[in-house]
Amino acid sequence: MTSPSKKASRLWYILLLIPFIATLWPPFYAGNEPRLAGIPYFYWYQFLWVIISAILTAIVYFATKSKT
């Protein structure tokens, strides 16, 4: 049986679904406009999610890391 603290720590893993869902449907972001510093939307949107994914992964790691 899992303790309540273990179950609560598993909920942090739901955050890892956000980048997956945000990049799941390419027609949503497959365009040229708006451009950011001359870079088409398609490319900077994906690159932004790389950074966001790294931040979310770090948050989940530190939130679920065992305190031993």
PDB file of N, CA and C in Angstrom:
ATOM      1  N   MET A   1       0.839  -1.178   0.000  1.00  0.00           N
ATOM      2  CA  MET A   1       0.000   0.000   0.000  1.00  0.00           C
ATOM      3  C   MET A   1       0.889   1.249   0.000  1.00  0.00           C
ATOM      4  N   THR A   2       0.527   2.227  -0.794  1.00  0.00           N
ATOM      5  CA  THR A   2       1.330   3.453  -0.866  1.00  0.00           C
ATOM      6  C   THR A   2       0.867   4.453   0.169  1.00  0.00           C
ATOM      7  N   SER A   3       1.822   5.154   0.723  1.00  0.00           N
ATOM      8  CA  SER A   3       1.483   6.166   1.715  1.00  0.00           C
ATOM      9  C   SER A   3       0.956   7.419   1.015  1.00  0.00           C
ATOM     10  N   PRO A   4       0.236   8.269   1.737  1.00  0.00           N
ATOM     11  CA  PRO A   4      -0.303   9.494   1.116  1.00  0.00           C
ATOM     12  C   PRO A   4       0.780  10.397   0.541  1.00  0.00           C
ATOM     13  N   SER A   5       1.951  10.438   1.169  1.00  0.00           N
ATOM     14  CA  SER A   5       3.017  11.289   0.647  1.00  0.00           C
ATOM     15  C   SER A   5       3.567  10.739  -0.670  1.00  0.00           C
ATOM     16  N   LYS A   6       3.632   9.420  -0.793  1.00  0.00           N
ATOM     17  CA  LYS A   6       4.076   8.817  -2.055  1.00  0.00           C
ATOM     18  C   LYS A   6       3.075   9.101  -3.167  1.00  0.00           C
ATOM     19  N   LYS A   7       1.787   9.007  -2.837  1.00  0.00           N
ATOM     20  CA  LYS A   7       0.745   9.252  -3.829  1.00  0.00           C
ATOM     21  C   LYS A   7       0.765  10.717  -4.267  1.00  0.00           C
ATOM     22  N   ALA A   8       0.969  11.622  -3.335  1.00  0.00           N
ATOM     23  CA  ALA A   8       1.028  13.044  -3.661  1.00  0.00           C
ATOM     24  C   ALA A   8       2.242  13.354  -4.521  1.00  0.00           C
ATOM     25  N   SER A   9       3.352  12.672  -4.264  1.00  0.00           N
ATOM     26  CA  SER A   9       4.543  12.937  -5.064  1.00  0.00           C
ATOM     27  C   SER A   9       4.378  12.426  -6.492  1.00  0.00           C
ATOM     28  N   ARG A  10       3.556  11.435  -6.684  1.00  0.00           N
ATOM     29  CA  ARG A  10       3.307  10.932  -8.036  1.00  0.00           C
ATOM     30  C   ARG A  10       2.499  11.928  -8.864  1.00  0.00           C
ATOM     31  N   LEU A  11       1.736  12.770  -8.232  1.00  0.00           N
ATOM     32  CA  LEU A  11       0.946  13.766  -8.956  1.00  0.00           C
ATOM     33  C   LEU A  11       1.830  14.791  -9.662  1.00  0.00           C
ATOM     34  N   TRP A  12       3.040  14.962  -9.177  1.00  0.00           N
ATOM     35  CA  TRP A  12       3.971  15.896  -9.831  1.00  0.00           C
ATOM     36  C   TRP A  12       4.275  15.465 -11.262  1.00  0.00           C
ATOM     37  N   TYR A  13       4.222  14.180 -11.522  1.00  0.00           N
ATOM     38  CA  TYR A  13       4.548  13.671 -12.858  1.00  0.00           C
ATOM     39  C   TYR A  13       3.547  14.124 -13.922  1.00  0.00           C
ATOM     40  N   ILE A  14       2.384  14.565 -13.499  1.00  0.00           N
ATOM     41  CA  ILE A  14       1.396  15.087 -14.447  1.00  0.00           C
ATOM     42  C   ILE A  14       1.942  16.320 -15.166  1.00  0.00           C
ATOM     43  N   LEU A  15       2.808  17.069 -14.499  1.00  0.00           N
ATOM     44  CA  LEU A  15       3.416  18.242 -15.137  1.00  0.00           C
ATOM     45  C   LEU A  15       4.194  17.865 -16.401  1.00  0.00           C
ATOM     46  N   LEU A  16       4.691  16.653 -16.456  1.00  0.00           N
ATOM     47  CA  LEU A  16       5.466  16.227 -17.617  1.00  0.00           C
ATOM     48  C   LEU A  16       4.592  16.008 -18.856  1.00  0.00           C
ATOM     49  N   LEU A  17       3.293  15.968 -18.674  1.00  0.00           N
ATOM     50  CA  LEU A  17       2.380  15.833 -19.805  1.00  0.00           C
ATOM     51  C   LEU A  17       2.171  17.154 -20.546  1.00  0.00           C
ATOM     52  N   ILE A  18       2.407  18.266 -19.887  1.00  0.00           N
ATOM     53  CA  ILE A  18       2.152  19.576 -20.497  1.00  0.00           C
ATOM     54  C   ILE A  18       2.944  19.777 -21.786  1.00  0.00           C
ATOM     55  N   PRO A  19       4.264  19.568 -21.805  1.00  0.00           N
ATOM     56  CA  PRO A  19       4.993  19.750 -23.070  1.00  0.00           C
ATOM     57  C   PRO A  19       4.553  18.773 -24.154  1.00  0.00           C
ATOM     58  N   PHE A  20       4.227  17.564 -23.754  1.00  0.00           N
ATOM     59  CA  PHE A  20       3.767  16.570 -24.717  1.00  0.00           C
ATOM     60  C   PHE A  20       2.478  17.033 -25.399  1.00  0.00           C
ATOM     61  N   ILE A  21       1.540  17.504 -24.606  1.00  0.00           N
ATOM     62  CA  ILE A  21       0.261  17.962 -25.152  1.00  0.00           C
ATOM     63  C   ILE A  21       0.445  19.220 -25.992  1.00  0.00           C
ATOM     64  N   ALA A  22       1.331  20.115 -25.563  1.00  0.00           N
ATOM     65  CA  ALA A  22       1.540  21.383 -26.278  1.00  0.00           C
ATOM     66  C   ALA A  22       2.164  21.192 -27.650  1.00  0.00           C
ATOM     67  N   THR A  23       2.894  20.102 -27.851  1.00  0.00           N
ATOM     68  CA  THR A  23       3.541  19.874 -29.144  1.00  0.00           C
ATOM     69  C   THR A  23       2.929  18.687 -29.886  1.00  0.00           C
ATOM     70  N   LEU A  24       1.828  18.185 -29.399  1.00  0.00           N
ATOM     71  CA  LEU A  24       1.205  16.992 -29.960  1.00  0.00           C
ATOM     72  C   LEU A  24       0.599  17.217 -31.336  1.00  0.00           C
ATOM     73  N   TRP A  25       0.058  18.392 -31.599  1.00  0.00           N
ATOM     74  CA  TRP A  25      -0.668  18.641 -32.836  1.00  0.00           C
ATOM     75  C   TRP A  25       0.035  19.711 -33.655  1.00  0.00           C
ATOM     76  N   PRO A  26       0.965  19.325 -34.535  1.00  0.00           N
ATOM     77  CA  PRO A  26       1.755  20.296 -35.304  1.00  0.00           C
ATOM     78  C   PRO A  26       0.961  21.302 -36.131  1.00  0.00           C
ATOM     79  N   PRO A  27      -0.211  20.964 -36.696  1.00  0.00           N
ATOM     80  CA  PRO A  27      -0.930  22.001 -37.448  1.00  0.00           C
ATOM     81  C   PRO A  27      -1.273  23.240 -36.615  1.00  0.00           C
ATOM     82  N   PHE A  28      -1.296  23.101 -35.302  1.00  0.00           N
ATOM     83  CA  PHE A  28      -1.560  24.252 -34.440  1.00  0.00           C
ATOM     84  C   PHE A  28      -0.452  25.304 -34.528  1.00  0.00           C
ATOM     85  N   TYR A  29       0.777  24.852 -34.637  1.00  0.00           N
ATOM     86  CA  TYR A  29       1.901  25.790 -34.637  1.00  0.00           C
ATOM     87  C   TYR A  29       2.713  25.764 -35.930  1.00  0.00           C
ATOM     88  N   ALA A  30       2.191  25.163 -36.984  1.00  0.00           N
ATOM     89  CA  ALA A  30       2.917  25.058 -38.255  1.00  0.00           C
ATOM     90  C   ALA A  30       2.655  26.280 -39.128  1.00  0.00           C
ATOM     91  N   GLY A  31       3.240  27.391 -38.730  1.00  0.00           N
ATOM     92  CA  GLY A  31       3.065  28.603 -39.518  1.00  0.00           C
ATOM     93  C   GLY A  31       4.292  29.493 -39.452  1.00  0.00           C
ATOM     94  N   ASN A  32       4.287  30.518 -40.271  1.00  0.00           N
ATOM     95  CA  ASN A  32       5.393  31.476 -40.300  1.00  0.00           C
ATOM     96  C   ASN A  32       5.189  32.621 -39.331  1.00  0.00           C
ATOM     97  N   GLU A  33       3.971  33.027 -39.145  1.00  0.00           N
ATOM     98  CA  GLU A  33       3.670  34.198 -38.323  1.00  0.00           C
ATOM     99  C   GLU A  33       3.118  33.763 -36.983  1.00  0.00           C
ATOM    100  N   PRO A  34       3.393  34.458 -35.914  1.00  0.00           N
ATOM    101  CA  PRO A  34       4.237  35.639 -35.772  1.00  0.00           C
ATOM    102  C   PRO A  34       5.717  35.251 -35.729  1.00  0.00           C
ATOM    103  N   ARG A  35       6.529  36.111 -36.260  1.00  0.00           N
ATOM    104  CA  ARG A  35       7.981  35.892 -36.238  1.00  0.00           C
ATOM    105  C   ARG A  35       8.566  36.543 -34.989  1.00  0.00           C
ATOM    106  N   LEU A  36       9.614  35.942 -34.493  1.00  0.00           N
ATOM    107  CA  LEU A  36      10.322  36.469 -33.328  1.00  0.00           C
ATOM    108  C   LEU A  36      11.778  36.630 -33.734  1.00  0.00           C
ATOM    109  N   ALA A  37      12.216  37.867 -33.902  1.00  0.00           N
ATOM    110  CA  ALA A  37      13.578  38.182 -34.359  1.00  0.00           C
ATOM    111  C   ALA A  37      13.867  37.514 -35.710  1.00  0.00           C
ATOM    112  N   GLY A  38      12.862  37.445 -36.559  1.00  0.00           N
ATOM    113  CA  GLY A  38      13.030  36.861 -37.882  1.00  0.00           C
ATOM    114  C   GLY A  38      12.884  35.353 -37.942  1.00  0.00           C
ATOM    115  N   ILE A  39      12.657  34.724 -36.788  1.00  0.00           N
ATOM    116  CA  ILE A  39      12.527  33.263 -36.728  1.00  0.00           C
ATOM    117  C   ILE A  39      11.039  32.913 -36.841  1.00  0.00           C
ATOM    118  N   PRO A  40      10.677  32.018 -37.773  1.00  0.00           N
ATOM    119  CA  PRO A  40       9.274  31.640 -37.925  1.00  0.00           C
ATOM    120  C   PRO A  40       8.705  31.014 -36.651  1.00  0.00           C
ATOM    121  N   TYR A  41       7.417  31.187 -36.476  1.00  0.00           N
ATOM    122  CA  TYR A  41       6.690  30.683 -35.304  1.00  0.00           C
ATOM    123  C   TYR A  41       6.936  29.190 -35.072  1.00  0.00           C
ATOM    124  N   PHE A  42       6.938  28.405 -36.122  1.00  0.00           N
ATOM    125  CA  PHE A  42       7.119  26.959 -36.006  1.00  0.00           C
ATOM    126  C   PHE A  42       8.385  26.611 -35.222  1.00  0.00           C
ATOM    127  N   TYR A  43       9.471  27.314 -35.500  1.00  0.00           N
ATOM    128  CA  TYR A  43      10.747  26.997 -34.858  1.00  0.00           C
ATOM    129  C   TYR A  43      10.842  27.557 -33.445  1.00  0.00           C
ATOM    130  N   TRP A  44      10.445  28.824 -33.244  1.00  0.00           N
ATOM    131  CA  TRP A  44      10.619  29.355 -31.894  1.00  0.00           C
ATOM    132  C   TRP A  44       9.619  28.767 -30.913  1.00  0.00           C
ATOM    133  N   TYR A  45       8.459  28.336 -31.389  1.00  0.00           N
ATOM    134  CA  TYR A  45       7.492  27.676 -30.514  1.00  0.00           C
ATOM    135  C   TYR A  45       8.072  26.362 -29.976  1.00  0.00           C
ATOM    136  N   GLN A  46       8.665  25.569 -30.870  1.00  0.00           N
ATOM    137  CA  GLN A  46       9.261  24.307 -30.433  1.00  0.00           C
ATOM    138  C   GLN A  46      10.462  24.535 -29.509  1.00  0.00           C
ATOM    139  N   PHE A  47      11.292  25.506 -29.830  1.00  0.00           N
ATOM    140  CA  PHE A  47      12.447  25.790 -28.989  1.00  0.00           C
ATOM    141  C   PHE A  47      12.015  26.280 -27.606  1.00  0.00           C
ATOM    142  N   LEU A  48      10.964  27.070 -27.562  1.00  0.00           N
ATOM    143  CA  LEU A  48      10.437  27.525 -26.283  1.00  0.00           C
ATOM    144  C   LEU A  48      10.000  26.338 -25.430  1.00  0.00           C
ATOM    145  N   TRP A  49       9.395  25.354 -26.063  1.00  0.00           N
ATOM    146  CA  TRP A  49       8.971  24.178 -25.303  1.00  0.00           C
ATOM    147  C   TRP A  49      10.134  23.314 -24.849  1.00  0.00           C
ATOM    148  N   VAL A  50      11.246  23.362 -25.514  1.00  0.00           N
ATOM    149  CA  VAL A  50      12.442  22.663 -25.032  1.00  0.00           C
ATOM    150  C   VAL A  50      12.872  23.269 -23.694  1.00  0.00           C
ATOM    151  N   ILE A  51      12.880  24.589 -23.633  1.00  0.00           N
ATOM    152  CA  ILE A  51      13.265  25.275 -22.395  1.00  0.00           C
ATOM    153  C   ILE A  51      12.239  25.027 -21.291  1.00  0.00           C
ATOM    154  N   ILE A  52      10.958  25.149 -21.626  1.00  0.00           N
ATOM    155  CA  ILE A  52       9.903  24.910 -20.639  1.00  0.00           C
ATOM    156  C   ILE A  52       9.959  23.472 -20.137  1.00  0.00           C
ATOM    157  N   SER A  53      10.210  22.529 -21.027  1.00  0.00           N
ATOM    158  CA  SER A  53      10.300  21.119 -20.633  1.00  0.00           C
ATOM    159  C   SER A  53      11.447  20.887 -19.656  1.00  0.00           C
ATOM    160  N   ALA A  54      12.575  21.529 -19.898  1.00  0.00           N
ATOM    161  CA  ALA A  54      13.718  21.385 -18.990  1.00  0.00           C
ATOM    162  C   ALA A  54      13.372  21.935 -17.606  1.00  0.00           C
ATOM    163  N   ILE A  55      12.702  23.056 -17.572  1.00  0.00           N
ATOM    164  CA  ILE A  55      12.305  23.659 -16.290  1.00  0.00           C
ATOM    165  C   ILE A  55      11.307  22.766 -15.563  1.00  0.00           C
ATOM    166  N   LEU A  56      10.313  22.257 -16.289  1.00  0.00           N
ATOM    167  CA  LEU A  56       9.322  21.376 -15.662  1.00  0.00           C
ATOM    168  C   LEU A  56       9.953  20.074 -15.182  1.00  0.00           C
ATOM    169  N   THR A  57      10.889  19.547 -15.932  1.00  0.00           N
ATOM    170  CA  THR A  57      11.578  18.326 -15.514  1.00  0.00           C
ATOM    171  C   THR A  57      12.363  18.563 -14.229  1.00  0.00           C
ATOM    172  N   ALA A  58      13.014  19.699 -14.122  1.00  0.00           N
ATOM    173  CA  ALA A  58      13.751  20.028 -12.892  1.00  0.00           C
ATOM    174  C   ALA A  58      12.798  20.184 -11.710  1.00  0.00           C
ATOM    175  N   ILE A  59      11.664  20.816 -11.932  1.00  0.00           N
ATOM    176  CA  ILE A  59      10.679  20.975 -10.860  1.00  0.00           C
ATOM    177  C   ILE A  59      10.192  19.618 -10.378  1.00  0.00           C
ATOM    178  N   VAL A  60       9.851  18.746 -11.307  1.00  0.00           N
ATOM    179  CA  VAL A  60       9.371  17.416 -10.937  1.00  0.00           C
ATOM    180  C   VAL A  60      10.472  16.624 -10.233  1.00  0.00           C
ATOM    181  N   TYR A  61      11.681  16.740 -10.717  1.00  0.00           N
ATOM    182  CA  TYR A  61      12.796  16.019 -10.090  1.00  0.00           C
ATOM    183  C   TYR A  61      12.970  16.442  -8.631  1.00  0.00           C
ATOM    184  N   PHE A  62      13.044  17.736  -8.391  1.00  0.00           N
ATOM    185  CA  PHE A  62      13.265  18.209  -7.024  1.00  0.00           C
ATOM    186  C   PHE A  62      12.057  17.982  -6.118  1.00  0.00           C
ATOM    187  N   ALA A  63      10.863  17.976  -6.699  1.00  0.00           N
ATOM    188  CA  ALA A  63       9.663  17.747  -5.893  1.00  0.00           C
ATOM    189  C   ALA A  63       9.497  16.282  -5.516  1.00  0.00           C
ATOM    190  N   THR A  64      10.025  15.377  -6.334  1.00  0.00           N
ATOM    191  CA  THR A  64       9.827  13.948  -6.061  1.00  0.00           C
ATOM    192  C   THR A  64      11.078  13.244  -5.541  1.00  0.00           C
ATOM    193  N   LYS A  65      12.165  13.963  -5.472  1.00  0.00           N
ATOM    194  CA  LYS A  65      13.427  13.378  -4.982  1.00  0.00           C
ATOM    195  C   LYS A  65      13.257  12.953  -3.538  1.00  0.00           C
ATOM    196  N   SER A  66      13.688  11.736  -3.217  1.00  0.00           N
ATOM    197  CA  SER A  66      13.557  11.258  -1.854  1.00  0.00           C
ATOM    198  C   SER A  66      14.515  12.008  -0.937  1.00  0.00           C
ATOM    199  N   LYS A  67      14.101  12.210   0.266  1.00  0.00           N
ATOM    200  CA  LYS A  67      14.884  13.006   1.221  1.00  0.00           C
ATOM    201  C   LYS A  67      15.682  12.100   2.139  1.00  0.00           C
ATOM    202  N   THR A  68      16.593  11.327   1.555  1.00  0.00           N
ATOM    203  CA  THR A  68      17.418  10.425   2.373  1.00  0.00           C
ATOM    204  C   THR A  68      18.827  10.900   2.462  1.00  0.00           C
TER     205      THR A  68
END
